[in-house]
Amino acid sequence: MLIMKGRRTPSNAVFRALADETRRQILEFLRAGPRTSGEIADQFHSSWPTISRHLAVLRAGGLVVTERQGQAIYYELNTSVFQDLIQHFVGWMKPFRQSAPARRRAQEA
């Protein structure tokens, strides 16, 4: 596993959570602010248990956080995970810097 200094590498759970269109739509809906699971489920044609499973995957990936208020559980975007994800992608755009011995081996080949 590659560990980069000074950066947190997003977990596989983050990428798994983002791989599904419904979960991405839930994240888009949560951009407007915290919502209950019922409010989220009302936006989709899927059953409540299906939406509940999607929310569990989003929670496992750290993309959403929950807060209980009485009987209701509110879901909210966890923006710090998105910031880490963006930093990770930006790192992909930077040219890879080889160490001096690796450069020499590449030049000799």
N, C-alpha and C. Protein backbone atom coordinates (compact mmCIF):
# COMPACT_ATOMS: atom_id res chain seq x y z
N MET A 1 0.84 -1.18 0.00
CA MET A 1 0.00 0.00 0.00
C MET A 1 0.89 1.24 0.00
N LEU A 2 0.53 2.22 -0.80
CA LEU A 2 1.28 3.47 -0.91
C LEU A 2 0.76 4.44 0.13
N ILE A 3 1.64 4.95 0.96
CA ILE A 3 1.26 5.94 1.96
C ILE A 3 2.02 7.22 1.64
N MET A 4 1.27 8.28 1.45
CA MET A 4 1.88 9.56 1.09
C MET A 4 2.05 10.39 2.35
N LYS A 5 3.20 11.04 2.47
CA LYS A 5 3.47 11.88 3.63
C LYS A 5 2.58 13.10 3.60
N GLY A 6 2.01 13.43 4.78
CA GLY A 6 1.23 14.66 4.91
C GLY A 6 -0.16 14.61 4.30
N ARG A 7 -0.55 13.47 3.75
CA ARG A 7 -1.88 13.36 3.14
C ARG A 7 -2.55 12.10 3.62
N ARG A 8 -3.84 12.19 3.79
CA ARG A 8 -4.60 10.99 4.11
C ARG A 8 -5.15 10.43 2.81
N THR A 9 -4.84 9.19 2.54
CA THR A 9 -5.33 8.54 1.33
C THR A 9 -6.76 8.08 1.59
N PRO A 10 -7.70 8.41 0.70
CA PRO A 10 -9.08 7.96 0.90
C PRO A 10 -9.15 6.44 0.96
N SER A 11 -10.03 5.94 1.80
CA SER A 11 -10.17 4.50 1.94
C SER A 11 -10.95 3.93 0.76
N ASN A 12 -10.85 2.63 0.60
CA ASN A 12 -11.62 1.96 -0.45
C ASN A 12 -13.12 2.14 -0.22
N ALA A 13 -13.53 2.31 1.03
CA ALA A 13 -14.94 2.51 1.35
C ALA A 13 -15.47 3.80 0.72
N VAL A 14 -14.62 4.81 0.61
CA VAL A 14 -15.04 6.07 -0.02
C VAL A 14 -15.34 5.83 -1.49
N PHE A 15 -14.43 5.15 -2.17
CA PHE A 15 -14.63 4.89 -3.60
C PHE A 15 -15.82 3.95 -3.83
N ARG A 16 -15.99 2.98 -2.94
CA ARG A 16 -17.15 2.08 -3.05
C ARG A 16 -18.45 2.87 -2.91
N ALA A 17 -18.48 3.78 -1.96
CA ALA A 17 -19.68 4.58 -1.74
C ALA A 17 -19.99 5.46 -2.95
N LEU A 18 -18.97 6.00 -3.57
CA LEU A 18 -19.16 6.89 -4.72
C LEU A 18 -19.47 6.15 -6.01
N ALA A 19 -19.28 4.83 -6.02
CA ALA A 19 -19.45 4.05 -7.25
C ALA A 19 -20.91 3.89 -7.65
N ASP A 20 -21.84 4.15 -6.76
CA ASP A 20 -23.26 3.93 -7.05
C ASP A 20 -23.97 5.25 -7.33
N GLU A 21 -24.75 5.27 -8.39
CA GLU A 21 -25.45 6.51 -8.79
C GLU A 21 -26.44 6.99 -7.74
N THR A 22 -27.17 6.08 -7.12
CA THR A 22 -28.14 6.49 -6.10
C THR A 22 -27.43 7.16 -4.94
N ARG A 23 -26.30 6.62 -4.52
CA ARG A 23 -25.56 7.23 -3.42
C ARG A 23 -25.03 8.60 -3.81
N ARG A 24 -24.60 8.76 -5.05
CA ARG A 24 -24.16 10.09 -5.50
C ARG A 24 -25.35 11.06 -5.51
N GLN A 25 -26.53 10.58 -5.87
CA GLN A 25 -27.72 11.44 -5.84
C GLN A 25 -28.08 11.82 -4.40
N ILE A 26 -27.91 10.90 -3.47
CA ILE A 26 -28.15 11.22 -2.06
C ILE A 26 -27.19 12.32 -1.61
N LEU A 27 -25.93 12.19 -1.98
CA LEU A 27 -24.94 13.22 -1.62
C LEU A 27 -25.32 14.57 -2.21
N GLU A 28 -25.77 14.55 -3.45
CA GLU A 28 -26.22 15.79 -4.11
C GLU A 28 -27.39 16.40 -3.33
N PHE A 29 -28.35 15.58 -2.91
CA PHE A 29 -29.50 16.05 -2.14
C PHE A 29 -29.05 16.66 -0.82
N LEU A 30 -28.04 16.08 -0.19
CA LEU A 30 -27.58 16.57 1.10
C LEU A 30 -26.78 17.86 1.01
N ARG A 31 -26.46 18.29 -0.20
CA ARG A 31 -25.76 19.57 -0.36
C ARG A 31 -26.59 20.72 0.21
N ALA A 32 -27.91 20.58 0.20
CA ALA A 32 -28.79 21.63 0.70
C ALA A 32 -28.81 21.70 2.23
N GLY A 33 -28.24 20.68 2.88
CA GLY A 33 -28.21 20.69 4.34
C GLY A 33 -28.66 19.35 4.91
N PRO A 34 -28.60 19.23 6.23
CA PRO A 34 -28.96 17.97 6.88
C PRO A 34 -30.40 17.57 6.60
N ARG A 35 -30.62 16.26 6.44
CA ARG A 35 -31.95 15.71 6.17
C ARG A 35 -32.12 14.42 6.96
N THR A 36 -33.36 14.11 7.29
CA THR A 36 -33.64 12.84 7.95
C THR A 36 -33.64 11.73 6.90
N SER A 37 -33.53 10.49 7.38
CA SER A 37 -33.57 9.36 6.45
C SER A 37 -34.91 9.32 5.72
N GLY A 38 -35.98 9.69 6.38
CA GLY A 38 -37.30 9.73 5.73
C GLY A 38 -37.36 10.76 4.62
N GLU A 39 -36.79 11.94 4.86
CA GLU A 39 -36.76 12.97 3.83
C GLU A 39 -35.93 12.51 2.63
N ILE A 40 -34.85 11.82 2.92
CA ILE A 40 -34.00 11.31 1.84
C ILE A 40 -34.74 10.24 1.06
N ALA A 41 -35.36 9.30 1.77
CA ALA A 41 -36.08 8.19 1.12
C ALA A 41 -37.21 8.72 0.24
N ASP A 42 -37.86 9.80 0.66
CA ASP A 42 -38.97 10.37 -0.12
C ASP A 42 -38.53 10.87 -1.49
N GLN A 43 -37.25 11.11 -1.68
CA GLN A 43 -36.74 11.62 -2.95
C GLN A 43 -36.52 10.53 -4.00
N PHE A 44 -36.66 9.26 -3.59
CA PHE A 44 -36.32 8.15 -4.47
C PHE A 44 -37.49 7.18 -4.59
N HIS A 45 -37.49 6.41 -5.67
CA HIS A 45 -38.51 5.40 -5.90
C HIS A 45 -38.16 4.08 -5.23
N SER A 46 -36.99 4.01 -4.62
CA SER A 46 -36.55 2.79 -3.94
C SER A 46 -37.26 2.66 -2.59
N SER A 47 -37.25 1.45 -2.06
CA SER A 47 -37.85 1.22 -0.75
C SER A 47 -37.00 1.86 0.34
N TRP A 48 -37.61 2.08 1.51
CA TRP A 48 -36.88 2.68 2.61
C TRP A 48 -35.70 1.81 3.03
N PRO A 49 -35.85 0.47 3.12
CA PRO A 49 -34.69 -0.36 3.48
C PRO A 49 -33.53 -0.24 2.49
N THR A 50 -33.84 -0.07 1.21
CA THR A 50 -32.78 0.10 0.20
C THR A 50 -32.03 1.40 0.44
N ILE A 51 -32.77 2.47 0.69
CA ILE A 51 -32.14 3.77 0.97
C ILE A 51 -31.34 3.69 2.26
N SER A 52 -31.87 2.97 3.24
CA SER A 52 -31.15 2.80 4.50
C SER A 52 -29.80 2.11 4.28
N ARG A 53 -29.77 1.11 3.41
CA ARG A 53 -28.50 0.43 3.09
C ARG A 53 -27.54 1.39 2.39
N HIS A 54 -28.06 2.20 1.48
CA HIS A 54 -27.21 3.19 0.80
C HIS A 54 -26.63 4.17 1.83
N LEU A 55 -27.44 4.60 2.78
CA LEU A 55 -26.96 5.52 3.80
C LEU A 55 -25.89 4.86 4.68
N ALA A 56 -26.05 3.58 4.95
CA ALA A 56 -25.04 2.85 5.74
C ALA A 56 -23.71 2.79 5.00
N VAL A 57 -23.75 2.60 3.68
CA VAL A 57 -22.52 2.57 2.88
C VAL A 57 -21.86 3.96 2.88
N LEU A 58 -22.67 5.00 2.75
CA LEU A 58 -22.14 6.36 2.79
C LEU A 58 -21.52 6.66 4.15
N ARG A 59 -22.17 6.21 5.21
CA ARG A 59 -21.64 6.40 6.56
C ARG A 59 -20.33 5.63 6.74
N ALA A 60 -20.27 4.39 6.25
CA ALA A 60 -19.06 3.57 6.36
C ALA A 60 -17.89 4.22 5.62
N GLY A 61 -18.17 4.90 4.53
CA GLY A 61 -17.14 5.60 3.78
C GLY A 61 -16.77 6.94 4.39
N GLY A 62 -17.52 7.35 5.40
CA GLY A 62 -17.24 8.62 6.05
C GLY A 62 -17.75 9.83 5.29
N LEU A 63 -18.53 9.60 4.24
CA LEU A 63 -19.02 10.71 3.42
C LEU A 63 -20.17 11.46 4.07
N VAL A 64 -20.87 10.80 4.98
CA VAL A 64 -21.92 11.46 5.73
C VAL A 64 -21.73 11.18 7.22
N VAL A 65 -22.20 12.10 8.01
CA VAL A 65 -22.22 11.93 9.47
C VAL A 65 -23.67 12.02 9.92
N THR A 66 -23.94 11.43 11.06
CA THR A 66 -25.32 11.43 11.57
C THR A 66 -25.39 12.12 12.92
N GLU A 67 -26.58 12.65 13.19
CA GLU A 67 -26.85 13.25 14.50
C GLU A 67 -28.30 12.93 14.85
N ARG A 68 -28.47 12.36 16.02
CA ARG A 68 -29.82 12.03 16.48
C ARG A 68 -30.41 13.26 17.17
N GLN A 69 -31.62 13.58 16.76
CA GLN A 69 -32.39 14.65 17.40
C GLN A 69 -33.76 14.08 17.73
N GLY A 70 -33.93 13.67 18.98
CA GLY A 70 -35.17 13.00 19.37
C GLY A 70 -35.26 11.66 18.68
N GLN A 71 -36.38 11.42 17.98
CA GLN A 71 -36.58 10.17 17.26
C GLN A 71 -35.91 10.17 15.88
N ALA A 72 -35.56 11.35 15.39
CA ALA A 72 -35.04 11.47 14.02
C ALA A 72 -33.51 11.40 14.00
N ILE A 73 -32.99 10.80 12.94
CA ILE A 73 -31.56 10.80 12.69
C ILE A 73 -31.32 11.65 11.45
N TYR A 74 -30.51 12.67 11.63
CA TYR A 74 -30.20 13.57 10.53
C TYR A 74 -28.87 13.17 9.89
N TYR A 75 -28.84 13.19 8.56
CA TYR A 75 -27.64 12.89 7.79
C TYR A 75 -27.12 14.19 7.20
N GLU A 76 -25.79 14.34 7.25
CA GLU A 76 -25.16 15.56 6.76
C GLU A 76 -23.86 15.18 6.06
N LEU A 77 -23.49 15.95 5.03
CA LEU A 77 -22.22 15.71 4.33
C LEU A 77 -21.05 15.91 5.28
N ASN A 78 -20.05 15.06 5.15
CA ASN A 78 -18.80 15.21 5.88
C ASN A 78 -17.79 15.80 4.90
N THR A 79 -17.68 17.11 4.92
CA THR A 79 -16.88 17.78 3.89
C THR A 79 -15.39 17.50 4.01
N SER A 80 -14.90 17.13 5.19
CA SER A 80 -13.46 16.87 5.32
C SER A 80 -13.04 15.67 4.47
N VAL A 81 -13.90 14.67 4.33
CA VAL A 81 -13.58 13.52 3.49
C VAL A 81 -13.50 13.95 2.02
N PHE A 82 -14.39 14.84 1.62
CA PHE A 82 -14.35 15.35 0.24
C PHE A 82 -13.07 16.15 0.00
N GLN A 83 -12.63 16.91 1.00
CA GLN A 83 -11.39 17.66 0.87
C GLN A 83 -10.20 16.71 0.70
N ASP A 84 -10.18 15.64 1.49
CA ASP A 84 -9.11 14.64 1.36
C ASP A 84 -9.14 13.99 -0.02
N LEU A 85 -10.34 13.71 -0.51
CA LEU A 85 -10.49 13.08 -1.82
C LEU A 85 -9.98 14.00 -2.93
N ILE A 86 -10.31 15.27 -2.84
CA ILE A 86 -9.85 16.24 -3.84
C ILE A 86 -8.33 16.35 -3.80
N GLN A 87 -7.76 16.41 -2.61
CA GLN A 87 -6.30 16.47 -2.48
C GLN A 87 -5.66 15.23 -3.11
N HIS A 88 -6.29 14.09 -2.91
CA HIS A 88 -5.79 12.84 -3.48
C HIS A 88 -5.78 12.92 -5.01
N PHE A 89 -6.86 13.40 -5.60
CA PHE A 89 -6.95 13.51 -7.06
C PHE A 89 -5.97 14.55 -7.60
N VAL A 90 -5.82 15.66 -6.89
CA VAL A 90 -4.86 16.68 -7.32
C VAL A 90 -3.45 16.10 -7.32
N GLY A 91 -3.16 15.25 -6.35
CA GLY A 91 -1.86 14.59 -6.30
C GLY A 91 -1.60 13.74 -7.53
N TRP A 92 -2.64 13.19 -8.10
CA TRP A 92 -2.49 12.39 -9.33
C TRP A 92 -2.09 13.26 -10.51
N MET A 93 -2.44 14.52 -10.47
CA MET A 93 -2.16 15.43 -11.58
C MET A 93 -0.73 15.95 -11.55
N LYS A 94 -0.10 15.91 -10.39
CA LYS A 94 1.28 16.39 -10.29
C LYS A 94 2.21 15.37 -10.91
N PRO A 95 3.25 15.83 -11.60
CA PRO A 95 4.19 14.87 -12.19
C PRO A 95 4.87 14.06 -11.09
N PHE A 96 5.08 12.79 -11.38
CA PHE A 96 5.74 11.90 -10.44
C PHE A 96 7.22 12.23 -10.41
N ARG A 97 7.76 12.45 -9.24
CA ARG A 97 9.19 12.76 -9.12
C ARG A 97 9.94 11.50 -8.74
N GLN A 98 10.81 11.06 -9.62
CA GLN A 98 11.61 9.88 -9.36
C GLN A 98 12.82 10.26 -8.51
N SER A 99 13.26 9.33 -7.71
CA SER A 99 14.48 9.55 -6.94
C SER A 99 15.67 9.52 -7.91
N ALA A 100 16.80 10.05 -7.48
CA ALA A 100 17.99 10.12 -8.33
C ALA A 100 18.42 8.74 -8.84
N PRO A 101 18.50 7.69 -7.99
CA PRO A 101 18.88 6.38 -8.52
C PRO A 101 17.88 5.84 -9.55
N ALA A 102 16.62 6.08 -9.35
CA ALA A 102 15.61 5.61 -10.31
C ALA A 102 15.75 6.35 -11.64
N ARG A 103 16.07 7.63 -11.60
CA ARG A 103 16.28 8.40 -12.85
C ARG A 103 17.47 7.85 -13.60
N ARG A 104 18.56 7.53 -12.86
CA ARG A 104 19.76 7.01 -13.50
C ARG A 104 19.46 5.65 -14.17
N ARG A 105 18.73 4.80 -13.46
CA ARG A 105 18.38 3.49 -14.04
C ARG A 105 17.54 3.67 -15.29
N ALA A 106 16.62 4.61 -15.28
CA ALA A 106 15.77 4.86 -16.45
C ALA A 106 16.59 5.39 -17.61
N GLN A 107 17.56 6.25 -17.32
CA GLN A 107 18.40 6.81 -18.38
C GLN A 107 19.34 5.75 -18.97
N GLU A 108 19.80 4.81 -18.12
CA GLU A 108 20.71 3.77 -18.59
C GLU A 108 20.00 2.73 -19.45
N ALA A 109 18.73 2.59 -19.28
CA ALA A 109 17.97 1.55 -20.01
C ALA A 109 17.75 1.89 -21.45
